[in-house]
């Protein structure tokens, strides 16, 4: 009876004979499902907030409807700040995860 090698116990099994790159990509996706989708959503919402912020900043600069434009501008700035925070949090988690590319 052959003795198990210590490397065999620590190495992950590749049951479907996938290439090493494919296997690593699939295991990274299992560790953090939908990460690229979340990052895309953060970027899209951040870009939308930035465009809205520019529009409301233009309204404030022109002096039109300052009473309603100022809270809306603050909301857009908050959205952009939240999306930047979430995107950076996601990037840090990706860099800490093993086998991330």
C-alpha atoms as a PDB file:
ATOM      1  CA  UNK A   1       0.000   0.000   0.000  1.00  0.00           C
ATOM      2  CA  UNK A   2       1.605   3.318  -1.047  1.00  0.00           C
ATOM      3  CA  UNK A   3       2.013   5.995   1.570  1.00  0.00           C
ATOM      4  CA  UNK A   4       0.316   9.309   0.830  1.00  0.00           C
ATOM      5  CA  UNK A   5       2.704  12.083  -0.015  1.00  0.00           C
ATOM      6  CA  UNK A   6       2.445  15.196   2.141  1.00  0.00           C
ATOM      7  CA  UNK A   7       2.130  17.296  -1.034  1.00  0.00           C
ATOM      8  CA  UNK A   8      -0.929  15.307  -2.099  1.00  0.00           C
ATOM      9  CA  UNK A   9      -2.820  16.227   1.059  1.00  0.00           C
ATOM     10  CA  UNK A  10      -2.236  19.961   0.734  1.00  0.00           C
ATOM     11  CA  UNK A  11      -2.703  20.261  -3.035  1.00  0.00           C
ATOM     12  CA  UNK A  12      -6.301  20.781  -4.175  1.00  0.00           C
ATOM     13  CA  UNK A  13      -7.813  18.075  -6.321  1.00  0.00           C
ATOM     14  CA  UNK A  14      -8.535  18.763  -9.972  1.00  0.00           C
ATOM     15  CA  UNK A  15     -11.376  16.317 -10.724  1.00  0.00           C
ATOM     16  CA  UNK A  16     -12.173  17.313 -14.308  1.00  0.00           C
ATOM     17  CA  UNK A  17      -8.641  17.594 -15.660  1.00  0.00           C
ATOM     18  CA  UNK A  18      -8.943  21.332 -16.194  1.00  0.00           C
ATOM     19  CA  UNK A  19      -5.942  23.444 -16.996  1.00  0.00           C
ATOM     20  CA  UNK A  20      -4.268  25.022 -13.985  1.00  0.00           C
ATOM     21  CA  UNK A  21      -5.428  28.510 -14.980  1.00  0.00           C
ATOM     22  CA  UNK A  22      -9.040  27.410 -15.406  1.00  0.00           C
ATOM     23  CA  UNK A  23      -8.995  25.600 -12.086  1.00  0.00           C
ATOM     24  CA  UNK A  24      -7.532  28.594 -10.232  1.00  0.00           C
ATOM     25  CA  UNK A  25     -10.085  30.934 -11.807  1.00  0.00           C
ATOM     26  CA  UNK A  26     -12.945  28.636 -10.765  1.00  0.00           C
ATOM     27  CA  UNK A  27     -11.684  28.294  -7.201  1.00  0.00           C
ATOM     28  CA  UNK A  28     -11.304  32.085  -6.944  1.00  0.00           C
ATOM     29  CA  UNK A  29     -14.884  32.462  -8.212  1.00  0.00           C
ATOM     30  CA  UNK A  30     -16.049  29.994  -5.560  1.00  0.00           C
ATOM     31  CA  UNK A  31     -14.323  32.031  -2.860  1.00  0.00           C
ATOM     32  CA  UNK A  32     -15.952  35.294  -3.995  1.00  0.00           C
ATOM     33  CA  UNK A  33     -18.895  34.749  -6.323  1.00  0.00           C
ATOM     34  CA  UNK A  34     -19.998  37.608  -8.575  1.00  0.00           C
ATOM     35  CA  UNK A  35     -17.017  39.826  -7.672  1.00  0.00           C
ATOM     36  CA  UNK A  36     -16.636  41.201 -11.233  1.00  0.00           C
ATOM     37  CA  UNK A  37     -20.366  41.922 -11.385  1.00  0.00           C
ATOM     38  CA  UNK A  38     -20.257  43.793  -8.071  1.00  0.00           C
ATOM     39  CA  UNK A  39     -17.257  45.815  -9.243  1.00  0.00           C
ATOM     40  CA  UNK A  40     -19.070  46.729 -12.458  1.00  0.00           C
ATOM     41  CA  UNK A  41     -22.129  47.832 -10.481  1.00  0.00           C
ATOM     42  CA  UNK A  42     -19.944  49.969  -8.204  1.00  0.00           C
ATOM     43  CA  UNK A  43     -18.339  51.627 -11.222  1.00  0.00           C
ATOM     44  CA  UNK A  44     -21.666  52.202 -12.989  1.00  0.00           C
ATOM     45  CA  UNK A  45     -23.336  53.702  -9.905  1.00  0.00           C
ATOM     46  CA  UNK A  46     -20.261  55.825  -9.194  1.00  0.00           C
ATOM     47  CA  UNK A  47     -20.245  57.156 -12.751  1.00  0.00           C
ATOM     48  CA  UNK A  48     -23.972  57.917 -12.524  1.00  0.00           C
ATOM     49  CA  UNK A  49     -23.454  59.753  -9.245  1.00  0.00           C
ATOM     50  CA  UNK A  50     -20.586  61.718 -10.764  1.00  0.00           C
ATOM     51  CA  UNK A  51     -22.706  62.830 -13.728  1.00  0.00           C
ATOM     52  CA  UNK A  52     -25.557  63.777 -11.390  1.00  0.00           C
ATOM     53  CA  UNK A  53     -23.130  65.687  -9.202  1.00  0.00           C
ATOM     54  CA  UNK A  54     -21.876  67.675 -12.192  1.00  0.00           C
ATOM     55  CA  UNK A  55     -25.450  68.524 -13.184  1.00  0.00           C
ATOM     56  CA  UNK A  56     -26.399  69.696  -9.699  1.00  0.00           C
ATOM     57  CA  UNK A  57     -23.125  71.574  -9.307  1.00  0.00           C
ATOM     58  CA  UNK A  58     -23.935  73.423 -12.534  1.00  0.00           C
ATOM     59  CA  UNK A  59     -27.368  74.322 -11.116  1.00  0.00           C
ATOM     60  CA  UNK A  60     -25.765  75.602  -7.927  1.00  0.00           C
ATOM     61  CA  UNK A  61     -23.157  77.587  -9.887  1.00  0.00           C
ATOM     62  CA  UNK A  62     -25.860  79.176 -12.020  1.00  0.00           C
ATOM     63  CA  UNK A  63     -27.860  80.160  -8.957  1.00  0.00           C
ATOM     64  CA  UNK A  64     -31.005  78.297 -10.013  1.00  0.00           C
ATOM     65  CA  UNK A  65     -33.071  76.376  -7.475  1.00  0.00           C
ATOM     66  CA  UNK A  66     -30.299  76.299  -4.888  1.00  0.00           C
ATOM     67  CA  UNK A  67     -32.710  75.105  -2.201  1.00  0.00           C
ATOM     68  CA  UNK A  68     -33.404  71.848  -4.006  1.00  0.00           C
ATOM     69  CA  UNK A  69     -30.096  71.488  -5.851  1.00  0.00           C
ATOM     70  CA  UNK A  70     -27.878  71.584  -2.767  1.00  0.00           C
ATOM     71  CA  UNK A  71     -29.359  68.501  -1.016  1.00  0.00           C
ATOM     72  CA  UNK A  72     -29.390  66.629  -4.317  1.00  0.00           C
ATOM     73  CA  UNK A  73     -25.746  67.527  -4.913  1.00  0.00           C
ATOM     74  CA  UNK A  74     -24.867  66.285  -1.412  1.00  0.00           C
ATOM     75  CA  UNK A  75     -26.692  63.032  -2.141  1.00  0.00           C
ATOM     76  CA  UNK A  76     -24.742  62.548  -5.387  1.00  0.00           C
ATOM     77  CA  UNK A  77     -21.449  63.202  -3.584  1.00  0.00           C
ATOM     78  CA  UNK A  78     -22.473  60.630  -0.966  1.00  0.00           C
ATOM     79  CA  UNK A  79     -23.269  58.065  -3.646  1.00  0.00           C
ATOM     80  CA  UNK A  80     -19.885  58.579  -5.306  1.00  0.00           C
ATOM     81  CA  UNK A  81     -18.088  58.342  -1.948  1.00  0.00           C
ATOM     82  CA  UNK A  82     -19.961  55.142  -1.064  1.00  0.00           C
ATOM     83  CA  UNK A  83     -19.158  53.531  -4.407  1.00  0.00           C
ATOM     84  CA  UNK A  84     -15.465  54.435  -4.097  1.00  0.00           C
ATOM     85  CA  UNK A  85     -15.411  52.954  -0.590  1.00  0.00           C
ATOM     86  CA  UNK A  86     -17.131  49.728  -1.685  1.00  0.00           C
ATOM     87  CA  UNK A  87     -14.911  49.360  -4.750  1.00  0.00           C
ATOM     88  CA  UNK A  88     -11.749  49.797  -2.658  1.00  0.00           C
ATOM     89  CA  UNK A  89     -13.071  47.332  -0.101  1.00  0.00           C
ATOM     90  CA  UNK A  90     -13.644  44.821  -2.885  1.00  0.00           C
ATOM     91  CA  UNK A  91     -10.140  45.427  -4.273  1.00  0.00           C
ATOM     92  CA  UNK A  92      -8.563  44.846  -0.834  1.00  0.00           C
ATOM     93  CA  UNK A  93     -10.529  41.617  -0.409  1.00  0.00           C
ATOM     94  CA  UNK A  94      -9.398  40.475  -3.852  1.00  0.00           C
ATOM     95  CA  UNK A  95      -5.747  41.181  -3.105  1.00  0.00           C
ATOM     96  CA  UNK A  96      -5.955  39.291   0.215  1.00  0.00           C
ATOM     97  CA  UNK A  97      -7.644  36.238  -1.259  1.00  0.00           C
ATOM     98  CA  UNK A  98      -5.353  33.405  -2.250  1.00  0.00           C
ATOM     99  CA  UNK A  99      -4.951  32.585  -5.913  1.00  0.00           C
ATOM    100  CA  UNK A 100      -6.269  35.963  -7.039  1.00  0.00           C
ATOM    101  CA  UNK A 101      -5.017  37.446 -10.269  1.00  0.00           C
END
